[in-house]
């Protein structure tokens, strides 16, 4: 969802956007037709077709475990349990209504497609994507890189879908530093 929001901000409010960094994204956003791109893996289809048993929302440890483990199928080999537990713990601390937060993605209308407008994005764009992303296979990021003028694509080996875990930071931080440095010239 973050990638879709970033794309729309750059398209609809270009004066407010200095650069884009898109992680694990798809052109035009989820919920839009993309017949030219591969679908999610059968394993992801299974994840979405199976309703997980909800935790006891009053049990902090159960909720942290639930949130952390819900990321495992998306991240595959790159899953970092300690990192995911830290994210889940912070989420539990700040969220007002976790149950609502976890379903909001599926309640939203994706709106009108905007993929055909990606060529209007003129800010420096860095695309980071796992080559093992089961939700949006790597071809999604390759399409983004082709359709956003001047976009730079960096595929992360064996990474799945989501924010890169700490093991990838030594590879990513220099890319980000270079990317951000290009905007001050």
Foldseek 3Di string as FASTA:
>chain_A
DVQLVQLCCCQVPVVVDQEAEAEQAFQQGPPDDDPVFDAFDPLVVVLVVDDDDDDPLVDLVRQLVVQLVNCPVQWPPQRDSVQSSVVSNVCNVPDPDVVCVVCVVVVDDSPDGCNQVLCVRDHEYEYEYECAARGGHPVRVVSSQVSHPPYHYDYDYSTYGDDGDPVCCVVVVVVVVVSVVVSVD
